[in-house]
Amino acid sequence: MIDVNDSRSLRAGMSESLSKVVDNAVQAGWPERDVALLLMELAETHLMKVAAAVIIDDALYLQRVHSLKN
């Protein structure tokens, strides 16, 4: 799980980096709304990738546990 103190520093660092990405995209002519929607889409894709890895890891773990019992 995330440590609250680590989470704050991670959030601060990522927030600063994300603000720079948004600022650069807006300065390049992209509407802020489009940038926000794209960031949400990218975040969702990343979340699904991480979630899939967790599901696969859990399934492999359960297979190992089952095989040890037999």
C-alpha atoms as a PDB file:
ATOM      1  CA  MET A   1       0.000   0.000   0.000  1.00  0.00           C
ATOM      2  CA  ILE A   2       1.004   3.619  -0.439  1.00  0.00           C
ATOM      3  CA  ASP A   3       2.613   5.373   2.518  1.00  0.00           C
ATOM      4  CA  VAL A   4       0.828   8.687   3.151  1.00  0.00           C
ATOM      5  CA  ASN A   5       4.077  10.663   3.303  1.00  0.00           C
ATOM      6  CA  ASP A   6       5.425   9.052   0.145  1.00  0.00           C
ATOM      7  CA  SER A   7       2.083   9.630  -1.522  1.00  0.00           C
ATOM      8  CA  ARG A   8       2.248  13.365  -0.828  1.00  0.00           C
ATOM      9  CA  SER A   9       5.715  13.728  -2.321  1.00  0.00           C
ATOM     10  CA  LEU A  10       4.769  11.557  -5.297  1.00  0.00           C
ATOM     11  CA  ARG A  11       1.608  13.592  -5.834  1.00  0.00           C
ATOM     12  CA  ALA A  12       3.531  16.865  -5.653  1.00  0.00           C
ATOM     13  CA  GLY A  13       6.155  15.708  -8.136  1.00  0.00           C
ATOM     14  CA  MET A  14       3.663  14.228 -10.558  1.00  0.00           C
ATOM     15  CA  SER A  15       1.394  17.263 -10.292  1.00  0.00           C
ATOM     16  CA  GLU A  16       4.254  19.549 -11.257  1.00  0.00           C
ATOM     17  CA  SER A  17       5.233  17.320 -14.183  1.00  0.00           C
ATOM     18  CA  LEU A  18       1.660  16.991 -15.360  1.00  0.00           C
ATOM     19  CA  SER A  19       1.145  20.757 -15.202  1.00  0.00           C
ATOM     20  CA  LYS A  20       4.179  21.196 -17.456  1.00  0.00           C
ATOM     21  CA  VAL A  21       2.800  18.657 -19.943  1.00  0.00           C
ATOM     22  CA  VAL A  22      -0.586  20.416 -19.988  1.00  0.00           C
ATOM     23  CA  ASP A  23       1.027  23.852 -20.317  1.00  0.00           C
ATOM     24  CA  ASN A  24       3.206  22.669 -23.202  1.00  0.00           C
ATOM     25  CA  ALA A  25       0.252  21.130 -25.021  1.00  0.00           C
ATOM     26  CA  VAL A  26      -1.892  24.253 -24.575  1.00  0.00           C
ATOM     27  CA  GLN A  27       0.979  26.489 -25.715  1.00  0.00           C
ATOM     28  CA  ALA A  28       1.310  24.256 -28.780  1.00  0.00           C
ATOM     29  CA  GLY A  29      -2.285  25.082 -29.644  1.00  0.00           C
ATOM     30  CA  TRP A  30      -4.237  22.183 -28.197  1.00  0.00           C
ATOM     31  CA  PRO A  31      -7.471  23.125 -26.420  1.00  0.00           C
ATOM     32  CA  GLU A  32      -7.173  22.468 -22.671  1.00  0.00           C
ATOM     33  CA  ARG A  33     -10.372  20.379 -22.787  1.00  0.00           C
ATOM     34  CA  ASP A  34      -8.841  18.070 -25.419  1.00  0.00           C
ATOM     35  CA  VAL A  35      -5.652  17.762 -23.378  1.00  0.00           C
ATOM     36  CA  ALA A  36      -7.661  16.840 -20.278  1.00  0.00           C
ATOM     37  CA  LEU A  37      -9.667  14.217 -22.162  1.00  0.00           C
ATOM     38  CA  LEU A  38      -6.521  12.708 -23.657  1.00  0.00           C
ATOM     39  CA  LEU A  39      -4.852  12.554 -20.237  1.00  0.00           C
ATOM     40  CA  MET A  40      -7.906  10.781 -18.829  1.00  0.00           C
ATOM     41  CA  GLU A  41      -7.803   8.288 -21.704  1.00  0.00           C
ATOM     42  CA  LEU A  42      -4.096   7.638 -21.191  1.00  0.00           C
ATOM     43  CA  ALA A  43      -4.566   7.238 -17.436  1.00  0.00           C
ATOM     44  CA  GLU A  44      -7.408   4.774 -18.002  1.00  0.00           C
ATOM     45  CA  THR A  45      -5.272   2.742 -20.413  1.00  0.00           C
ATOM     46  CA  HIS A  46      -2.430   2.637 -17.902  1.00  0.00           C
ATOM     47  CA  LEU A  47      -4.792   1.670 -15.075  1.00  0.00           C
ATOM     48  CA  MET A  48      -6.198  -1.202 -17.117  1.00  0.00           C
ATOM     49  CA  LYS A  49      -2.672  -2.403 -17.938  1.00  0.00           C
ATOM     50  CA  VAL A  50      -1.682  -2.374 -14.262  1.00  0.00           C
ATOM     51  CA  ALA A  51      -4.939  -4.041 -13.206  1.00  0.00           C
ATOM     52  CA  ALA A  52      -4.455  -6.783 -15.799  1.00  0.00           C
ATOM     53  CA  ALA A  53      -0.957  -7.462 -14.474  1.00  0.00           C
ATOM     54  CA  VAL A  54      -2.304  -7.747 -10.918  1.00  0.00           C
ATOM     55  CA  ILE A  55      -5.001 -10.175 -12.036  1.00  0.00           C
ATOM     56  CA  ILE A  56      -2.472 -12.311 -13.915  1.00  0.00           C
ATOM     57  CA  ASP A  57      -0.042 -12.311 -10.973  1.00  0.00           C
ATOM     58  CA  ASP A  58      -2.831 -13.376  -8.594  1.00  0.00           C
ATOM     59  CA  ALA A  59      -3.957 -16.129 -10.933  1.00  0.00           C
ATOM     60  CA  LEU A  60      -0.405 -17.465 -11.237  1.00  0.00           C
ATOM     61  CA  TYR A  61       0.009 -17.337  -7.456  1.00  0.00           C
ATOM     62  CA  LEU A  62      -3.221 -19.302  -6.951  1.00  0.00           C
ATOM     63  CA  GLN A  63      -2.077 -21.893  -9.489  1.00  0.00           C
ATOM     64  CA  ARG A  64       1.194 -22.332  -7.587  1.00  0.00           C
ATOM     65  CA  VAL A  65      -0.587 -22.650  -4.257  1.00  0.00           C
ATOM     66  CA  HIS A  66      -2.986 -25.198  -5.741  1.00  0.00           C
ATOM     67  CA  SER A  67      -0.147 -27.233  -7.256  1.00  0.00           C
ATOM     68  CA  LEU A  68       1.707 -27.290  -3.911  1.00  0.00           C
ATOM     69  CA  LYS A  69      -1.376 -28.666  -2.164  1.00  0.00           C
ATOM     70  CA  ASN A  70      -1.645 -31.552  -4.637  1.00  0.00           C
END
